[in-house]
Amino acid sequence: PVTLFDYGLKQSRNTGLKALGIIMGDFVTTGIHS
């Protein structure tokens, strides 16, 4: 299972999910090959 940073806990949390990519906020830009 994938772990994910939790703002409420201020630490990683076990999501119980085997497939989970990214949680991206607003106004984010990434460079090439990120």
All heavy atoms as atom14 arrays in JSON, in Angstrom:
{
  "sequence": "PVTLFDYGLKQSRNTGLKALGIIMGDFVTTGIHS",
  "atom14_mask": [
    [1, 1, 1, 1, 1, 1, 1, 0, 0, 0, 0, 0, 0, 0],
    [1, 1, 1, 1, 1, 1, 1, 0, 0, 0, 0, 0, 0, 0],
    [1, 1, 1, 1, 1, 1, 1, 0, 0, 0, 0, 0, 0, 0],
    [1, 1, 1, 1, 1, 1, 1, 1, 0, 0, 0, 0, 0, 0],
    [1, 1, 1, 1, 1, 1, 1, 1, 1, 1, 1, 0, 0, 0],
    [1, 1, 1, 1, 1, 1, 1, 1, 0, 0, 0, 0, 0, 0],
    [1, 1, 1, 1, 1, 1, 1, 1, 1, 1, 1, 1, 0, 0],
    [1, 1, 1, 1, 0, 0, 0, 0, 0, 0, 0, 0, 0, 0],
    [1, 1, 1, 1, 1, 1, 1, 1, 0, 0, 0, 0, 0, 0],
    [1, 1, 1, 1, 1, 1, 1, 1, 1, 0, 0, 0, 0, 0],
    [1, 1, 1, 1, 1, 1, 1, 1, 1, 0, 0, 0, 0, 0],
    [1, 1, 1, 1, 1, 1, 0, 0, 0, 0, 0, 0, 0, 0],
    [1, 1, 1, 1, 1, 1, 1, 1, 1, 1, 1, 0, 0, 0],
    [1, 1, 1, 1, 1, 1, 1, 1, 0, 0, 0, 0, 0, 0],
    [1, 1, 1, 1, 1, 1, 1, 0, 0, 0, 0, 0, 0, 0],
    [1, 1, 1, 1, 0, 0, 0, 0, 0, 0, 0, 0, 0, 0],
    [1, 1, 1, 1, 1, 1, 1, 1, 0, 0, 0, 0, 0, 0],
    [1, 1, 1, 1, 1, 1, 1, 1, 1, 0, 0, 0, 0, 0],
    [1, 1, 1, 1, 1, 0, 0, 0, 0, 0, 0, 0, 0, 0],
    [1, 1, 1, 1, 1, 1, 1, 1, 0, 0, 0, 0, 0, 0],
    [1, 1, 1, 1, 0, 0, 0, 0, 0, 0, 0, 0, 0, 0],
    [1, 1, 1, 1, 1, 1, 1, 1, 0, 0, 0, 0, 0, 0],
    [1, 1, 1, 1, 1, 1, 1, 1, 0, 0, 0, 0, 0, 0],
    [1, 1, 1, 1, 1, 1, 1, 1, 0, 0, 0, 0, 0, 0],
    [1, 1, 1, 1, 0, 0, 0, 0, 0, 0, 0, 0, 0, 0],
    [1, 1, 1, 1, 1, 1, 1, 1, 0, 0, 0, 0, 0, 0],
    [1, 1, 1, 1, 1, 1, 1, 1, 1, 1, 1, 0, 0, 0],
    [1, 1, 1, 1, 1, 1, 1, 0, 0, 0, 0, 0, 0, 0],
    [1, 1, 1, 1, 1, 1, 1, 0, 0, 0, 0, 0, 0, 0],
    [1, 1, 1, 1, 1, 1, 1, 0, 0, 0, 0, 0, 0, 0],
    [1, 1, 1, 1, 0, 0, 0, 0, 0, 0, 0, 0, 0, 0],
    [1, 1, 1, 1, 1, 1, 1, 1, 0, 0, 0, 0, 0, 0],
    [1, 1, 1, 1, 1, 1, 1, 1, 1, 1, 0, 0, 0, 0],
    [1, 1, 1, 1, 1, 1, 0, 0, 0, 0, 0, 0, 0, 0]
  ],
  "atom14_positions": [
    [[0.82, -1.21, 0.0], [0.0, 0.0, 0.0], [0.85, 1.26, 0.0], [1.94, 1.31, 0.58], [-0.82, -0.12, 1.29], [-0.86, -1.59, 1.57], [0.46, -2.13, 1.11], [0.0, 0.0, 0.0], [0.0, 0.0, 0.0], [0.0, 0.0, 0.0], [0.0, 0.0, 0.0], [0.0, 0.0, 0.0], [0.0, 0.0, 0.0], [0.0, 0.0, 0.0]],
    [[0.33, 2.29, -0.63], [1.04, 3.56, -0.77], [0.81, 4.43, 0.46], [-0.31, 4.52, 0.97], [0.56, 4.29, -2.04], [1.29, 5.63, -2.2], [0.76, 3.42, -3.27], [0.0, 0.0, 0.0], [0.0, 0.0, 0.0], [0.0, 0.0, 0.0], [0.0, 0.0, 0.0], [0.0, 0.0, 0.0], [0.0, 0.0, 0.0], [0.0, 0.0, 0.0]],
    [[1.87, 5.08, 0.93], [1.74, 6.07, 2.0], [1.72, 7.46, 1.38], [2.27, 7.69, 0.3], [2.9, 5.97, 3.0], [4.14, 6.17, 2.32], [2.9, 4.6, 3.68], [0.0, 0.0, 0.0], [0.0, 0.0, 0.0], [0.0, 0.0, 0.0], [0.0, 0.0, 0.0], [0.0, 0.0, 0.0], [0.0, 0.0, 0.0], [0.0, 0.0, 0.0]],
    [[1.09, 8.4, 2.08], [0.89, 9.75, 1.56], [1.0, 10.74, 2.7], [0.47, 10.49, 3.79], [-0.49, 9.85, 0.91], [-0.79, 11.06, 0.03], [-0.04, 10.96, -1.29], [-2.29, 11.17, -0.24], [0.0, 0.0, 0.0], [0.0, 0.0, 0.0], [0.0, 0.0, 0.0], [0.0, 0.0, 0.0], [0.0, 0.0, 0.0], [0.0, 0.0, 0.0]],
    [[1.68, 11.86, 2.46], [1.77, 12.88, 3.51], [0.4, 13.45, 3.8], [-0.35, 13.81, 2.89], [2.73, 14.0, 3.1], [2.9, 15.05, 4.18], [3.78, 14.84, 5.22], [2.15, 16.22, 4.15], [3.92, 15.79, 6.23], [2.29, 17.18, 5.14], [3.18, 16.96, 6.19], [0.0, 0.0, 0.0], [0.0, 0.0, 0.0], [0.0, 0.0, 0.0]],
    [[0.07, 13.56, 5.08], [-1.23, 14.06, 5.52], [-1.02, 15.37, 6.26], [-0.33, 15.43, 7.28], [-1.89, 13.02, 6.44], [-3.32, 13.37, 6.82], [-3.53, 14.48, 7.35], [-4.22, 12.54, 6.59], [0.0, 0.0, 0.0], [0.0, 0.0, 0.0], [0.0, 0.0, 0.0], [0.0, 0.0, 0.0], [0.0, 0.0, 0.0], [0.0, 0.0, 0.0]],
    [[-1.62, 16.46, 5.74], [-1.45, 17.77, 6.36], [-2.02, 17.8, 7.78], [-1.49, 18.5, 8.64], [-2.14, 18.83, 5.52], [-1.3, 19.37, 4.39], [-1.15, 18.66, 3.2], [-0.68, 20.61, 4.48], [-0.4, 19.16, 2.15], [0.08, 21.13, 3.45], [0.21, 20.4, 2.28], [0.97, 20.9, 1.24], [0.0, 0.0, 0.0], [0.0, 0.0, 0.0]],
    [[-3.12, 17.09, 8.0], [-3.72, 17.09, 9.33], [-2.85, 16.39, 10.35], [-2.7, 16.85, 11.48], [0.0, 0.0, 0.0], [0.0, 0.0, 0.0], [0.0, 0.0, 0.0], [0.0, 0.0, 0.0], [0.0, 0.0, 0.0], [0.0, 0.0, 0.0], [0.0, 0.0, 0.0], [0.0, 0.0, 0.0], [0.0, 0.0, 0.0], [0.0, 0.0, 0.0]],
    [[-2.27, 15.26, 9.96], [-1.42, 14.49, 10.87], [0.0, 15.02, 10.92], [0.76, 14.7, 11.83], [-1.39, 13.02, 10.43], [-2.72, 12.26, 10.43], [-2.53, 10.87, 9.86], [-3.31, 12.19, 11.84], [0.0, 0.0, 0.0], [0.0, 0.0, 0.0], [0.0, 0.0, 0.0], [0.0, 0.0, 0.0], [0.0, 0.0, 0.0], [0.0, 0.0, 0.0]],
    [[0.38, 15.79, 9.87], [1.76, 16.29, 9.72], [2.76, 15.15, 9.61], [3.92, 15.27, 10.04], [2.13, 17.24, 10.86], [1.31, 18.53, 10.87], [1.74, 19.46, 11.99], [1.08, 20.83, 11.86], [-0.4, 20.78, 11.78], [0.0, 0.0, 0.0], [0.0, 0.0, 0.0], [0.0, 0.0, 0.0], [0.0, 0.0, 0.0], [0.0, 0.0, 0.0]],
    [[2.33, 14.06, 9.03], [3.2, 12.92, 8.77], [2.54, 12.02, 7.74], [1.39, 12.25, 7.34], [3.45, 12.13, 10.06], [2.18, 11.51, 10.66], [2.45, 10.79, 11.97], [3.45, 11.04, 12.63], [1.56, 9.9, 12.33], [0.0, 0.0, 0.0], [0.0, 0.0, 0.0], [0.0, 0.0, 0.0], [0.0, 0.0, 0.0], [0.0, 0.0, 0.0]],
    [[3.28, 11.01, 7.29], [2.74, 10.12, 6.28], [1.67, 9.21, 6.85], [1.69, 8.86, 8.04], [3.87, 9.28, 5.67], [4.75, 10.1, 4.94], [0.0, 0.0, 0.0], [0.0, 0.0, 0.0], [0.0, 0.0, 0.0], [0.0, 0.0, 0.0], [0.0, 0.0, 0.0], [0.0, 0.0, 0.0], [0.0, 0.0, 0.0], [0.0, 0.0, 0.0]],
    [[0.73, 8.84, 5.99], [-0.39, 8.0, 6.37], [-0.52, 6.86, 5.37], [-0.36, 7.06, 4.17], [-1.67, 8.85, 6.4], [-2.97, 8.09, 6.45], [-4.15, 9.04, 6.51], [-4.13, 10.06, 5.46], [-4.49, 9.84, 4.21], [-4.91, 8.64, 3.82], [-4.44, 10.81, 3.31], [0.0, 0.0, 0.0], [0.0, 0.0, 0.0], [0.0, 0.0, 0.0]],
    [[-0.83, 5.68, 5.87], [-1.05, 4.53, 4.99], [-2.43, 4.67, 4.35], [-3.44, 4.65, 5.03], [-0.96, 3.23, 5.78], [-1.01, 2.0, 4.88], [-1.46, 2.05, 3.73], [-0.55, 0.87, 5.4], [0.0, 0.0, 0.0], [0.0, 0.0, 0.0], [0.0, 0.0, 0.0], [0.0, 0.0, 0.0], [0.0, 0.0, 0.0], [0.0, 0.0, 0.0]],
    [[-2.47, 4.8, 3.02], [-3.74, 4.99, 2.34], [-4.5, 3.68, 2.13], [-5.71, 3.7, 1.87], [-3.52, 5.63, 0.96], [-2.8, 4.72, 0.12], [-2.74, 6.94, 1.1], [0.0, 0.0, 0.0], [0.0, 0.0, 0.0], [0.0, 0.0, 0.0], [0.0, 0.0, 0.0], [0.0, 0.0, 0.0], [0.0, 0.0, 0.0], [0.0, 0.0, 0.0]],
    [[-3.8, 2.57, 2.21], [-4.43, 1.28, 1.92], [-4.6, 1.01, 0.43], [-5.08, -0.05, 0.05], [0.0, 0.0, 0.0], [0.0, 0.0, 0.0], [0.0, 0.0, 0.0], [0.0, 0.0, 0.0], [0.0, 0.0, 0.0], [0.0, 0.0, 0.0], [0.0, 0.0, 0.0], [0.0, 0.0, 0.0], [0.0, 0.0, 0.0], [0.0, 0.0, 0.0]],
    [[-4.18, 1.96, -0.41], [-4.31, 1.81, -1.86], [-3.01, 1.32, -2.46], [-1.93, 1.78, -2.08], [-4.7, 3.15, -2.51], [-6.0, 3.79, -2.04], [-6.18, 5.15, -2.73], [-7.19, 2.89, -2.32], [0.0, 0.0, 0.0], [0.0, 0.0, 0.0], [0.0, 0.0, 0.0], [0.0, 0.0, 0.0], [0.0, 0.0, 0.0], [0.0, 0.0, 0.0]],
    [[-3.11, 0.44, -3.42], [-1.9, -0.03, -4.11], [-1.51, 0.88, -5.27], [-0.36, 0.84, -5.7], [-2.11, -1.46, -4.61], [-2.15, -2.5, -3.49], [-2.17, -3.91, -4.04], [-2.12, -4.93, -2.92], [-2.1, -6.33, -3.44], [0.0, 0.0, 0.0], [0.0, 0.0, 0.0], [0.0, 0.0, 0.0], [0.0, 0.0, 0.0], [0.0, 0.0, 0.0]],
    [[-2.46, 1.64, -5.78], [-2.17, 2.54, -6.9], [-2.51, 3.97, -6.49], [-3.68, 4.29, -6.25], [-2.97, 2.13, -8.14], [0.0, 0.0, 0.0], [0.0, 0.0, 0.0], [0.0, 0.0, 0.0], [0.0, 0.0, 0.0], [0.0, 0.0, 0.0], [0.0, 0.0, 0.0], [0.0, 0.0, 0.0], [0.0, 0.0, 0.0], [0.0, 0.0, 0.0]],
    [[-1.49, 4.81, -6.4], [-1.7, 6.22, -6.07], [-0.48, 7.0, -6.53], [0.65, 6.67, -6.2], [-1.9, 6.41, -4.56], [-2.2, 7.83, -4.09], [-3.45, 8.39, -4.77], [-2.36, 7.88, -2.57], [0.0, 0.0, 0.0], [0.0, 0.0, 0.0], [0.0, 0.0, 0.0], [0.0, 0.0, 0.0], [0.0, 0.0, 0.0], [0.0, 0.0, 0.0]],
    [[-0.73, 8.04, -7.32], [0.36, 8.82, -7.89], [0.64, 10.08, -7.12], [1.26, 10.05, -6.05], [0.0, 0.0, 0.0], [0.0, 0.0, 0.0], [0.0, 0.0, 0.0], [0.0, 0.0, 0.0], [0.0, 0.0, 0.0], [0.0, 0.0, 0.0], [0.0, 0.0, 0.0], [0.0, 0.0, 0.0], [0.0, 0.0, 0.0], [0.0, 0.0, 0.0]],
    [[0.17, 11.24, -7.63], [0.47, 12.51, -6.99], [-0.81, 13.27, -6.65], [-1.82, 13.15, -7.34], [1.38, 13.39, -7.87], [0.76, 13.65, -9.25], [2.75, 12.76, -8.02], [1.61, 14.51, -10.15], [0.0, 0.0, 0.0], [0.0, 0.0, 0.0], [0.0, 0.0, 0.0], [0.0, 0.0, 0.0], [0.0, 0.0, 0.0], [0.0, 0.0, 0.0]],
    [[-0.74, 14.03, -5.57], [-1.77, 15.0, -5.21], [-1.11, 16.36, -5.36], [-0.2, 16.71, -4.6], [-2.29, 14.8, -3.78], [-2.78, 13.36, -3.56], [-3.39, 15.81, -3.48], [-3.94, 12.94, -4.43], [0.0, 0.0, 0.0], [0.0, 0.0, 0.0], [0.0, 0.0, 0.0], [0.0, 0.0, 0.0], [0.0, 0.0, 0.0], [0.0, 0.0, 0.0]],
    [[-1.52, 17.11, -6.36], [-0.88, 18.39, -6.69], [-1.83, 19.54, -6.39], [-2.99, 19.53, -6.8], [-0.47, 18.4, -8.16], [0.2, 19.69, -8.62], [0.7, 19.65, -10.38], [2.07, 18.5, -10.32], [0.0, 0.0, 0.0], [0.0, 0.0, 0.0], [0.0, 0.0, 0.0], [0.0, 0.0, 0.0], [0.0, 0.0, 0.0], [0.0, 0.0, 0.0]],
    [[-1.33, 20.54, -5.68], [-2.12, 21.71, -5.36], [-2.27, 22.64, -6.56], [-2.01, 22.27, -7.71], [0.0, 0.0, 0.0], [0.0, 0.0, 0.0], [0.0, 0.0, 0.0], [0.0, 0.0, 0.0], [0.0, 0.0, 0.0], [0.0, 0.0, 0.0], [0.0, 0.0, 0.0], [0.0, 0.0, 0.0], [0.0, 0.0, 0.0], [0.0, 0.0, 0.0]],
    [[-2.64, 23.87, -6.3], [-2.89, 24.86, -7.34], [-1.63, 25.7, -7.59], [-0.81, 25.88, -6.7], [-4.03, 25.78, -6.92], [-5.29, 25.0, -6.57], [-5.87, 24.39, -7.47], [-5.68, 24.98, -5.38], [0.0, 0.0, 0.0], [0.0, 0.0, 0.0], [0.0, 0.0, 0.0], [0.0, 0.0, 0.0], [0.0, 0.0, 0.0], [0.0, 0.0, 0.0]],
    [[-1.52, 26.2, -8.82], [-0.41, 27.07, -9.21], [0.95, 26.37, -9.04], [1.87, 26.9, -8.42], [-0.43, 28.37, -8.39], [-1.71, 29.15, -8.52], [-2.63, 29.16, -7.48], [-2.0, 29.86, -9.66], [-3.81, 29.88, -7.58], [-3.18, 30.58, -9.77], [-4.09, 30.59, -8.74], [0.0, 0.0, 0.0], [0.0, 0.0, 0.0], [0.0, 0.0, 0.0]],
    [[1.06, 25.18, -9.6], [2.31, 24.42, -9.57], [2.84, 24.29, -10.99], [2.08, 23.97, -11.91], [2.1, 23.02, -8.96], [3.39, 22.19, -9.05], [1.64, 23.12, -7.51], [0.0, 0.0, 0.0], [0.0, 0.0, 0.0], [0.0, 0.0, 0.0], [0.0, 0.0, 0.0], [0.0, 0.0, 0.0], [0.0, 0.0, 0.0], [0.0, 0.0, 0.0]],
    [[4.12, 24.55, -11.18], [4.75, 24.32, -12.48], [5.93, 23.37, -12.28], [6.66, 23.46, -11.28], [5.25, 25.63, -13.11], [6.12, 26.31, -12.19], [4.08, 26.54, -13.44], [0.0, 0.0, 0.0], [0.0, 0.0, 0.0], [0.0, 0.0, 0.0], [0.0, 0.0, 0.0], [0.0, 0.0, 0.0], [0.0, 0.0, 0.0], [0.0, 0.0, 0.0]],
    [[6.09, 22.46, -13.24], [7.2, 21.51, -13.18], [8.06, 21.64, -14.42], [7.57, 21.92, -15.51], [6.69, 20.05, -13.08], [6.1, 19.67, -14.35], [5.66, 19.91, -11.98], [0.0, 0.0, 0.0], [0.0, 0.0, 0.0], [0.0, 0.0, 0.0], [0.0, 0.0, 0.0], [0.0, 0.0, 0.0], [0.0, 0.0, 0.0], [0.0, 0.0, 0.0]],
    [[9.37, 21.45, -14.25], [10.3, 21.51, -15.36], [10.24, 20.24, -16.19], [9.63, 19.23, -15.81], [0.0, 0.0, 0.0], [0.0, 0.0, 0.0], [0.0, 0.0, 0.0], [0.0, 0.0, 0.0], [0.0, 0.0, 0.0], [0.0, 0.0, 0.0], [0.0, 0.0, 0.0], [0.0, 0.0, 0.0], [0.0, 0.0, 0.0], [0.0, 0.0, 0.0]],
    [[10.89, 20.27, -17.35], [10.9, 19.09, -18.22], [11.58, 17.93, -17.52], [12.48, 18.1, -16.71], [11.57, 19.39, -19.57], [13.03, 19.81, -19.37], [10.82, 20.48, -20.33], [13.81, 19.93, -20.67], [0.0, 0.0, 0.0], [0.0, 0.0, 0.0], [0.0, 0.0, 0.0], [0.0, 0.0, 0.0], [0.0, 0.0, 0.0], [0.0, 0.0, 0.0]],
    [[11.11, 16.73, -17.82], [11.66, 15.48, -17.27], [11.46, 15.35, -15.76], [12.14, 14.54, -15.13], [13.15, 15.33, -17.59], [13.44, 15.09, -19.03], [13.34, 13.86, -19.64], [13.84, 15.96, -20.0], [13.67, 13.97, -20.91], [13.96, 15.23, -21.17], [0.0, 0.0, 0.0], [0.0, 0.0, 0.0], [0.0, 0.0, 0.0], [0.0, 0.0, 0.0]],
    [[10.56, 16.12, -15.17], [10.33, 15.98, -13.73], [9.75, 14.6, -13.43], [8.86, 14.13, -14.13], [9.37, 17.08, -13.23], [9.97, 18.35, -13.33], [0.0, 0.0, 0.0], [0.0, 0.0, 0.0], [0.0, 0.0, 0.0], [0.0, 0.0, 0.0], [0.0, 0.0, 0.0], [0.0, 0.0, 0.0], [0.0, 0.0, 0.0], [0.0, 0.0, 0.0]]
  ]
}
